[in-house]
All heavy atoms as atom14 arrays in JSON, in Angstrom:
{
  "sequence": "GRIALTPAVELSYLTEQEQHLLLNEIEYADATPSLSQAQRLR",
  "atom14_mask": [
    [1, 1, 1, 1, 0, 0, 0, 0, 0, 0, 0, 0, 0, 0],
    [1, 1, 1, 1, 1, 1, 1, 1, 1, 1, 1, 0, 0, 0],
    [1, 1, 1, 1, 1, 1, 1, 1, 0, 0, 0, 0, 0, 0],
    [1, 1, 1, 1, 1, 0, 0, 0, 0, 0, 0, 0, 0, 0],
    [1, 1, 1, 1, 1, 1, 1, 1, 0, 0, 0, 0, 0, 0],
    [1, 1, 1, 1, 1, 1, 1, 0, 0, 0, 0, 0, 0, 0],
    [1, 1, 1, 1, 1, 1, 1, 0, 0, 0, 0, 0, 0, 0],
    [1, 1, 1, 1, 1, 0, 0, 0, 0, 0, 0, 0, 0, 0],
    [1, 1, 1, 1, 1, 1, 1, 0, 0, 0, 0, 0, 0, 0],
    [1, 1, 1, 1, 1, 1, 1, 1, 1, 0, 0, 0, 0, 0],
    [1, 1, 1, 1, 1, 1, 1, 1, 0, 0, 0, 0, 0, 0],
    [1, 1, 1, 1, 1, 1, 0, 0, 0, 0, 0, 0, 0, 0],
    [1, 1, 1, 1, 1, 1, 1, 1, 1, 1, 1, 1, 0, 0],
    [1, 1, 1, 1, 1, 1, 1, 1, 0, 0, 0, 0, 0, 0],
    [1, 1, 1, 1, 1, 1, 1, 0, 0, 0, 0, 0, 0, 0],
    [1, 1, 1, 1, 1, 1, 1, 1, 1, 0, 0, 0, 0, 0],
    [1, 1, 1, 1, 1, 1, 1, 1, 1, 0, 0, 0, 0, 0],
    [1, 1, 1, 1, 1, 1, 1, 1, 1, 0, 0, 0, 0, 0],
    [1, 1, 1, 1, 1, 1, 1, 1, 1, 0, 0, 0, 0, 0],
    [1, 1, 1, 1, 1, 1, 1, 1, 1, 1, 0, 0, 0, 0],
    [1, 1, 1, 1, 1, 1, 1, 1, 0, 0, 0, 0, 0, 0],
    [1, 1, 1, 1, 1, 1, 1, 1, 0, 0, 0, 0, 0, 0],
    [1, 1, 1, 1, 1, 1, 1, 1, 0, 0, 0, 0, 0, 0],
    [1, 1, 1, 1, 1, 1, 1, 1, 0, 0, 0, 0, 0, 0],
    [1, 1, 1, 1, 1, 1, 1, 1, 1, 0, 0, 0, 0, 0],
    [1, 1, 1, 1, 1, 1, 1, 1, 0, 0, 0, 0, 0, 0],
    [1, 1, 1, 1, 1, 1, 1, 1, 1, 0, 0, 0, 0, 0],
    [1, 1, 1, 1, 1, 1, 1, 1, 1, 1, 1, 1, 0, 0],
    [1, 1, 1, 1, 1, 0, 0, 0, 0, 0, 0, 0, 0, 0],
    [1, 1, 1, 1, 1, 1, 1, 1, 0, 0, 0, 0, 0, 0],
    [1, 1, 1, 1, 1, 0, 0, 0, 0, 0, 0, 0, 0, 0],
    [1, 1, 1, 1, 1, 1, 1, 0, 0, 0, 0, 0, 0, 0],
    [1, 1, 1, 1, 1, 1, 1, 0, 0, 0, 0, 0, 0, 0],
    [1, 1, 1, 1, 1, 1, 0, 0, 0, 0, 0, 0, 0, 0],
    [1, 1, 1, 1, 1, 1, 1, 1, 0, 0, 0, 0, 0, 0],
    [1, 1, 1, 1, 1, 1, 0, 0, 0, 0, 0, 0, 0, 0],
    [1, 1, 1, 1, 1, 1, 1, 1, 1, 0, 0, 0, 0, 0],
    [1, 1, 1, 1, 1, 0, 0, 0, 0, 0, 0, 0, 0, 0],
    [1, 1, 1, 1, 1, 1, 1, 1, 1, 0, 0, 0, 0, 0],
    [1, 1, 1, 1, 1, 1, 1, 1, 1, 1, 1, 0, 0, 0],
    [1, 1, 1, 1, 1, 1, 1, 1, 0, 0, 0, 0, 0, 0],
    [1, 1, 1, 1, 1, 1, 1, 1, 1, 1, 1, 0, 0, 0]
  ],
  "atom14_positions": [
    [[115.95, 30.62, -11.78], [115.3, 29.62, -12.36], [113.86, 29.37, -11.94], [113.14, 28.39, -12.3], [0.0, 0.0, 0.0], [0.0, 0.0, 0.0], [0.0, 0.0, 0.0], [0.0, 0.0, 0.0], [0.0, 0.0, 0.0], [0.0, 0.0, 0.0], [0.0, 0.0, 0.0], [0.0, 0.0, 0.0], [0.0, 0.0, 0.0], [0.0, 0.0, 0.0]],
    [[113.45, 30.18, -11.09], [112.04, 30.12, -10.47], [111.0, 30.63, -11.57], [109.81, 30.24, -11.49], [111.88, 30.9, -9.22], [112.76, 30.44, -8.06], [112.49, 31.16, -6.9], [111.16, 31.17, -6.39], [110.61, 31.89, -5.53], [111.37, 32.95, -4.88], [109.29, 31.83, -5.15], [0.0, 0.0, 0.0], [0.0, 0.0, 0.0], [0.0, 0.0, 0.0]],
    [[111.4, 31.52, -12.38], [110.56, 32.0, -13.45], [111.16, 31.79, -14.74], [112.37, 32.12, -14.89], [110.16, 33.42, -13.25], [109.49, 33.88, -11.94], [109.18, 33.97, -14.52], [109.11, 35.37, -11.74], [0.0, 0.0, 0.0], [0.0, 0.0, 0.0], [0.0, 0.0, 0.0], [0.0, 0.0, 0.0], [0.0, 0.0, 0.0], [0.0, 0.0, 0.0]],
    [[110.61, 31.1, -15.56], [111.15, 30.76, -16.97], [111.18, 32.07, -17.88], [110.47, 33.09, -17.69], [110.41, 29.64, -17.72], [0.0, 0.0, 0.0], [0.0, 0.0, 0.0], [0.0, 0.0, 0.0], [0.0, 0.0, 0.0], [0.0, 0.0, 0.0], [0.0, 0.0, 0.0], [0.0, 0.0, 0.0], [0.0, 0.0, 0.0], [0.0, 0.0, 0.0]],
    [[112.03, 32.02, -18.89], [112.23, 33.17, -19.78], [110.95, 33.62, -20.37], [110.62, 34.85, -20.42], [113.19, 32.82, -20.97], [113.49, 33.96, -21.99], [114.05, 35.14, -21.29], [114.29, 33.44, -23.08], [0.0, 0.0, 0.0], [0.0, 0.0, 0.0], [0.0, 0.0, 0.0], [0.0, 0.0, 0.0], [0.0, 0.0, 0.0], [0.0, 0.0, 0.0]],
    [[110.07, 32.64, -21.01], [108.98, 33.18, -21.68], [107.93, 33.78, -20.92], [107.38, 34.83, -21.15], [108.32, 31.93, -22.51], [109.36, 31.37, -23.34], [107.12, 32.4, -23.41], [0.0, 0.0, 0.0], [0.0, 0.0, 0.0], [0.0, 0.0, 0.0], [0.0, 0.0, 0.0], [0.0, 0.0, 0.0], [0.0, 0.0, 0.0], [0.0, 0.0, 0.0]],
    [[107.6, 33.18, -19.73], [106.63, 33.83, -18.81], [107.18, 35.21, -18.3], [106.46, 36.19, -18.21], [106.46, 32.96, -17.61], [106.82, 31.58, -18.14], [107.82, 31.84, -19.23], [0.0, 0.0, 0.0], [0.0, 0.0, 0.0], [0.0, 0.0, 0.0], [0.0, 0.0, 0.0], [0.0, 0.0, 0.0], [0.0, 0.0, 0.0], [0.0, 0.0, 0.0]],
    [[108.54, 35.17, -18.05], [109.11, 36.43, -17.54], [109.04, 37.69, -18.62], [108.81, 38.75, -18.29], [110.62, 36.26, -17.32], [0.0, 0.0, 0.0], [0.0, 0.0, 0.0], [0.0, 0.0, 0.0], [0.0, 0.0, 0.0], [0.0, 0.0, 0.0], [0.0, 0.0, 0.0], [0.0, 0.0, 0.0], [0.0, 0.0, 0.0], [0.0, 0.0, 0.0]],
    [[109.11, 37.33, -19.89], [108.93, 38.29, -21.07], [107.5, 38.84, -20.79], [107.22, 40.03, -20.94], [109.17, 37.72, -22.32], [108.74, 38.67, -23.44], [110.54, 37.42, -22.51], [0.0, 0.0, 0.0], [0.0, 0.0, 0.0], [0.0, 0.0, 0.0], [0.0, 0.0, 0.0], [0.0, 0.0, 0.0], [0.0, 0.0, 0.0], [0.0, 0.0, 0.0]],
    [[106.55, 37.97, -20.73], [105.23, 38.48, -20.5], [104.86, 39.45, -19.26], [104.34, 40.4, -19.5], [104.2, 37.21, -20.33], [104.09, 36.35, -21.55], [103.5, 37.0, -22.82], [102.56, 37.78, -22.67], [103.96, 36.66, -23.84], [0.0, 0.0, 0.0], [0.0, 0.0, 0.0], [0.0, 0.0, 0.0], [0.0, 0.0, 0.0], [0.0, 0.0, 0.0]],
    [[105.6, 38.99, -18.23], [105.52, 39.8, -17.07], [106.18, 41.28, -17.11], [105.78, 42.12, -16.49], [106.05, 39.09, -15.85], [105.4, 37.8, -15.44], [106.17, 37.09, -14.33], [103.93, 37.97, -15.01], [0.0, 0.0, 0.0], [0.0, 0.0, 0.0], [0.0, 0.0, 0.0], [0.0, 0.0, 0.0], [0.0, 0.0, 0.0], [0.0, 0.0, 0.0]],
    [[107.11, 41.28, -18.03], [107.91, 42.59, -18.15], [107.02, 43.72, -18.81], [107.39, 44.84, -18.72], [109.12, 42.29, -19.11], [108.66, 42.19, -20.43], [0.0, 0.0, 0.0], [0.0, 0.0, 0.0], [0.0, 0.0, 0.0], [0.0, 0.0, 0.0], [0.0, 0.0, 0.0], [0.0, 0.0, 0.0], [0.0, 0.0, 0.0], [0.0, 0.0, 0.0]],
    [[105.81, 43.3, -19.3], [104.98, 44.31, -19.74], [104.0, 44.84, -18.74], [103.36, 45.9, -18.97], [104.06, 43.81, -20.92], [104.94, 43.42, -22.28], [105.5, 42.26, -22.48], [105.14, 44.49, -23.16], [106.18, 42.05, -23.61], [105.93, 44.22, -24.31], [106.42, 42.99, -24.63], [107.14, 42.88, -25.62], [0.0, 0.0, 0.0], [0.0, 0.0, 0.0]],
    [[104.08, 44.31, -17.53], [103.38, 44.98, -16.44], [103.98, 46.15, -15.81], [105.2, 46.27, -16.05], [103.26, 43.93, -15.24], [102.11, 42.9, -15.21], [102.14, 42.08, -16.55], [102.25, 41.97, -14.08], [0.0, 0.0, 0.0], [0.0, 0.0, 0.0], [0.0, 0.0, 0.0], [0.0, 0.0, 0.0], [0.0, 0.0, 0.0], [0.0, 0.0, 0.0]],
    [[103.23, 47.08, -15.32], [103.9, 48.29, -14.78], [104.58, 47.94, -13.64], [104.47, 46.87, -13.06], [102.75, 49.31, -14.48], [101.94, 48.82, -13.39], [101.84, 49.59, -15.61], [0.0, 0.0, 0.0], [0.0, 0.0, 0.0], [0.0, 0.0, 0.0], [0.0, 0.0, 0.0], [0.0, 0.0, 0.0], [0.0, 0.0, 0.0], [0.0, 0.0, 0.0]],
    [[105.44, 48.84, -13.12], [106.21, 48.47, -11.91], [105.39, 48.24, -10.8], [105.61, 47.38, -9.98], [107.19, 49.83, -11.64], [108.18, 49.59, -10.54], [109.1, 50.65, -10.41], [109.45, 51.37, -11.47], [109.68, 50.86, -9.32], [0.0, 0.0, 0.0], [0.0, 0.0, 0.0], [0.0, 0.0, 0.0], [0.0, 0.0, 0.0], [0.0, 0.0, 0.0]],
    [[104.27, 49.05, -10.62], [103.35, 48.91, -9.44], [102.73, 47.46, -9.55], [102.63, 46.87, -8.53], [102.41, 50.04, -9.46], [101.36, 49.96, -8.27], [100.23, 51.0, -8.34], [100.29, 51.73, -9.19], [99.53, 51.07, -7.3], [0.0, 0.0, 0.0], [0.0, 0.0, 0.0], [0.0, 0.0, 0.0], [0.0, 0.0, 0.0], [0.0, 0.0, 0.0]],
    [[102.3, 47.19, -10.78], [101.65, 45.75, -10.96], [102.61, 44.76, -10.67], [102.27, 43.69, -10.15], [101.14, 45.67, -12.42], [100.06, 46.67, -12.73], [99.69, 46.7, -14.16], [100.49, 46.23, -15.01], [98.54, 47.17, -14.52], [0.0, 0.0, 0.0], [0.0, 0.0, 0.0], [0.0, 0.0, 0.0], [0.0, 0.0, 0.0], [0.0, 0.0, 0.0]],
    [[103.92, 44.78, -10.89], [104.93, 43.85, -10.64], [105.14, 43.78, -9.2], [105.29, 42.55, -8.69], [106.23, 44.24, -11.42], [106.18, 44.12, -12.92], [107.47, 44.35, -13.53], [108.51, 43.66, -13.13], [107.56, 45.07, -14.74], [0.0, 0.0, 0.0], [0.0, 0.0, 0.0], [0.0, 0.0, 0.0], [0.0, 0.0, 0.0], [0.0, 0.0, 0.0]],
    [[105.04, 44.78, -8.47], [105.23, 44.66, -7.07], [103.93, 44.02, -6.45], [104.12, 43.12, -5.44], [105.36, 46.19, -6.39], [106.79, 46.65, -6.56], [107.84, 46.19, -5.73], [107.2, 47.69, -7.33], [108.95, 46.77, -6.03], [108.79, 47.73, -7.03], [0.0, 0.0, 0.0], [0.0, 0.0, 0.0], [0.0, 0.0, 0.0], [0.0, 0.0, 0.0]],
    [[102.81, 44.27, -6.96], [101.62, 43.57, -6.39], [101.74, 42.01, -6.73], [101.44, 41.16, -5.84], [100.27, 44.06, -7.21], [99.87, 45.49, -6.82], [98.67, 45.86, -7.69], [99.5, 45.55, -5.32], [0.0, 0.0, 0.0], [0.0, 0.0, 0.0], [0.0, 0.0, 0.0], [0.0, 0.0, 0.0], [0.0, 0.0, 0.0], [0.0, 0.0, 0.0]],
    [[102.2, 41.71, -7.85], [102.39, 40.25, -8.23], [103.47, 39.67, -7.22], [103.38, 38.59, -6.82], [102.91, 40.17, -9.72], [103.47, 38.8, -10.18], [102.3, 37.92, -9.99], [103.79, 38.76, -11.53], [0.0, 0.0, 0.0], [0.0, 0.0, 0.0], [0.0, 0.0, 0.0], [0.0, 0.0, 0.0], [0.0, 0.0, 0.0], [0.0, 0.0, 0.0]],
    [[104.63, 40.46, -7.03], [105.56, 39.98, -6.12], [105.02, 39.61, -4.66], [105.27, 38.56, -4.17], [106.66, 40.99, -5.99], [107.91, 40.68, -5.07], [108.65, 39.48, -5.48], [108.79, 41.81, -4.87], [0.0, 0.0, 0.0], [0.0, 0.0, 0.0], [0.0, 0.0, 0.0], [0.0, 0.0, 0.0], [0.0, 0.0, 0.0], [0.0, 0.0, 0.0]],
    [[104.16, 40.45, -4.21], [103.51, 40.2, -2.97], [102.73, 38.76, -3.08], [102.8, 37.94, -2.1], [102.5, 41.25, -2.58], [103.24, 42.59, -2.18], [104.41, 42.55, -1.88], [102.55, 43.64, -2.34], [0.0, 0.0, 0.0], [0.0, 0.0, 0.0], [0.0, 0.0, 0.0], [0.0, 0.0, 0.0], [0.0, 0.0, 0.0], [0.0, 0.0, 0.0]],
    [[102.03, 38.55, -4.07], [101.35, 37.34, -4.18], [102.23, 36.17, -4.36], [101.89, 35.12, -3.78], [100.39, 37.53, -5.49], [99.59, 36.17, -5.74], [98.7, 35.82, -4.63], [98.28, 36.57, -3.79], [98.37, 34.56, -4.57], [0.0, 0.0, 0.0], [0.0, 0.0, 0.0], [0.0, 0.0, 0.0], [0.0, 0.0, 0.0], [0.0, 0.0, 0.0]],
    [[103.27, 36.33, -5.04], [104.29, 35.25, -5.3], [104.85, 34.8, -3.81], [104.93, 33.76, -3.5], [105.39, 35.61, -6.25], [104.95, 35.71, -7.7], [106.6, 34.73, -6.09], [105.83, 36.15, -8.8], [0.0, 0.0, 0.0], [0.0, 0.0, 0.0], [0.0, 0.0, 0.0], [0.0, 0.0, 0.0], [0.0, 0.0, 0.0], [0.0, 0.0, 0.0]],
    [[105.27, 35.93, -3.06], [105.81, 35.56, -1.78], [104.81, 35.02, -0.85], [105.15, 34.06, -0.01], [106.29, 36.88, -1.22], [107.58, 37.62, -1.92], [107.95, 38.8, -1.24], [107.19, 39.46, -0.61], [109.14, 39.2, -1.64], [0.0, 0.0, 0.0], [0.0, 0.0, 0.0], [0.0, 0.0, 0.0], [0.0, 0.0, 0.0], [0.0, 0.0, 0.0]],
    [[103.54, 35.45, -0.93], [102.63, 34.7, -0.16], [102.2, 33.32, -0.47], [102.25, 32.47, 0.29], [101.26, 35.66, -0.19], [100.08, 35.05, 0.48], [100.04, 34.78, 1.87], [98.97, 34.57, -0.24], [98.94, 34.16, 2.34], [97.96, 34.0, 0.33], [97.87, 33.77, 1.55], [96.73, 33.06, 2.16], [0.0, 0.0, 0.0], [0.0, 0.0, 0.0]],
    [[102.11, 33.09, -1.75], [101.68, 31.83, -2.24], [102.81, 30.83, -2.43], [102.66, 29.63, -2.59], [100.9, 31.89, -3.5], [0.0, 0.0, 0.0], [0.0, 0.0, 0.0], [0.0, 0.0, 0.0], [0.0, 0.0, 0.0], [0.0, 0.0, 0.0], [0.0, 0.0, 0.0], [0.0, 0.0, 0.0], [0.0, 0.0, 0.0], [0.0, 0.0, 0.0]],
    [[104.11, 31.42, -2.37], [105.24, 30.65, -2.63], [105.16, 29.89, -3.9], [105.52, 28.66, -4.13], [105.57, 29.64, -1.51], [106.96, 29.06, -1.58], [107.88, 29.69, -2.16], [107.22, 27.99, -1.03], [0.0, 0.0, 0.0], [0.0, 0.0, 0.0], [0.0, 0.0, 0.0], [0.0, 0.0, 0.0], [0.0, 0.0, 0.0], [0.0, 0.0, 0.0]],
    [[104.64, 30.6, -4.94], [104.47, 30.04, -6.36], [104.56, 31.07, -7.28], [104.3, 32.24, -7.17], [103.06, 29.31, -6.48], [0.0, 0.0, 0.0], [0.0, 0.0, 0.0], [0.0, 0.0, 0.0], [0.0, 0.0, 0.0], [0.0, 0.0, 0.0], [0.0, 0.0, 0.0], [0.0, 0.0, 0.0], [0.0, 0.0, 0.0], [0.0, 0.0, 0.0]],
    [[105.21, 30.75, -8.57], [105.34, 31.73, -9.58], [104.45, 31.39, -10.77], [103.95, 30.18, -10.85], [106.85, 31.72, -10.02], [107.15, 30.37, -10.65], [107.8, 32.05, -9.07], [0.0, 0.0, 0.0], [0.0, 0.0, 0.0], [0.0, 0.0, 0.0], [0.0, 0.0, 0.0], [0.0, 0.0, 0.0], [0.0, 0.0, 0.0], [0.0, 0.0, 0.0]],
    [[104.14, 32.43, -11.43], [102.93, 32.29, -12.59], [103.6, 31.32, -13.72], [104.79, 31.48, -14.08], [102.8, 33.68, -13.07], [103.99, 34.47, -12.79], [104.52, 33.79, -11.5], [0.0, 0.0, 0.0], [0.0, 0.0, 0.0], [0.0, 0.0, 0.0], [0.0, 0.0, 0.0], [0.0, 0.0, 0.0], [0.0, 0.0, 0.0], [0.0, 0.0, 0.0]],
    [[102.69, 30.63, -14.27], [103.0, 29.7, -15.45], [102.88, 30.74, -16.66], [102.51, 31.76, -16.56], [101.88, 28.59, -15.65], [100.72, 29.17, -15.87], [0.0, 0.0, 0.0], [0.0, 0.0, 0.0], [0.0, 0.0, 0.0], [0.0, 0.0, 0.0], [0.0, 0.0, 0.0], [0.0, 0.0, 0.0], [0.0, 0.0, 0.0], [0.0, 0.0, 0.0]],
    [[103.25, 30.22, -17.84], [103.05, 31.01, -19.03], [101.73, 31.45, -19.32], [101.37, 32.63, -19.6], [103.56, 30.2, -20.24], [103.44, 30.93, -21.62], [104.07, 32.25, -21.76], [103.98, 30.01, -22.72], [0.0, 0.0, 0.0], [0.0, 0.0, 0.0], [0.0, 0.0, 0.0], [0.0, 0.0, 0.0], [0.0, 0.0, 0.0], [0.0, 0.0, 0.0]],
    [[100.7, 30.48, -19.13], [99.28, 30.9, -19.33], [98.95, 31.98, -18.34], [98.3, 32.92, -18.71], [98.5, 29.58, -19.2], [97.01, 29.96, -19.15], [0.0, 0.0, 0.0], [0.0, 0.0, 0.0], [0.0, 0.0, 0.0], [0.0, 0.0, 0.0], [0.0, 0.0, 0.0], [0.0, 0.0, 0.0], [0.0, 0.0, 0.0], [0.0, 0.0, 0.0]],
    [[99.25, 31.82, -17.07], [98.92, 32.94, -16.16], [99.59, 34.3, -16.4], [98.91, 35.25, -16.25], [99.27, 32.38, -14.7], [98.48, 31.3, -14.23], [98.91, 30.69, -12.9], [100.25, 30.55, -12.79], [98.03, 30.2, -12.01], [0.0, 0.0, 0.0], [0.0, 0.0, 0.0], [0.0, 0.0, 0.0], [0.0, 0.0, 0.0], [0.0, 0.0, 0.0]],
    [[100.85, 34.07, -16.74], [101.6, 35.26, -17.17], [100.84, 36.17, -18.26], [100.83, 37.39, -18.33], [103.06, 35.11, -17.48], [0.0, 0.0, 0.0], [0.0, 0.0, 0.0], [0.0, 0.0, 0.0], [0.0, 0.0, 0.0], [0.0, 0.0, 0.0], [0.0, 0.0, 0.0], [0.0, 0.0, 0.0], [0.0, 0.0, 0.0], [0.0, 0.0, 0.0]],
    [[100.43, 35.32, -19.33], [99.83, 35.87, -20.43], [98.42, 36.65, -19.96], [98.13, 37.62, -20.47], [99.64, 34.79, -21.59], [100.84, 34.36, -22.23], [100.59, 33.18, -22.98], [99.72, 32.41, -22.74], [101.44, 32.98, -24.16], [0.0, 0.0, 0.0], [0.0, 0.0, 0.0], [0.0, 0.0, 0.0], [0.0, 0.0, 0.0], [0.0, 0.0, 0.0]],
    [[97.77, 35.98, -19.2], [96.39, 36.45, -18.56], [96.74, 37.75, -17.78], [95.93, 38.79, -17.87], [95.78, 35.53, -17.78], [94.93, 34.41, -18.53], [94.49, 33.25, -17.7], [93.53, 33.73, -16.74], [92.29, 34.18, -16.99], [91.79, 34.17, -18.24], [91.56, 34.55, -15.94], [0.0, 0.0, 0.0], [0.0, 0.0, 0.0], [0.0, 0.0, 0.0]],
    [[97.83, 37.78, -16.95], [98.05, 39.04, -16.25], [98.53, 40.17, -17.14], [98.01, 41.2, -16.96], [99.36, 38.74, -15.34], [99.13, 37.78, -14.13], [100.37, 37.35, -13.41], [98.03, 38.39, -13.13], [0.0, 0.0, 0.0], [0.0, 0.0, 0.0], [0.0, 0.0, 0.0], [0.0, 0.0, 0.0], [0.0, 0.0, 0.0], [0.0, 0.0, 0.0]],
    [[99.21, 39.82, -18.26], [99.61, 40.87, -19.25], [98.27, 41.39, -19.81], [98.12, 42.65, -20.08], [100.46, 40.32, -20.23], [100.91, 41.31, -21.32], [101.84, 40.7, -22.36], [102.02, 41.71, -23.51], [102.75, 41.56, -24.51], [103.26, 40.22, -24.69], [102.85, 42.38, -25.37], [0.0, 0.0, 0.0], [0.0, 0.0, 0.0], [0.0, 0.0, 0.0]]
  ]
}
């Protein structure tokens, strides 16, 4: 429940390498992307 379905769908379009980079940032910041942020990342 840390990432909602709609932002997760946007993040699924990132490459595997990009997702790992995002994971590093999530772990560091202890925060997950909002829908708006996920859309910008995509």
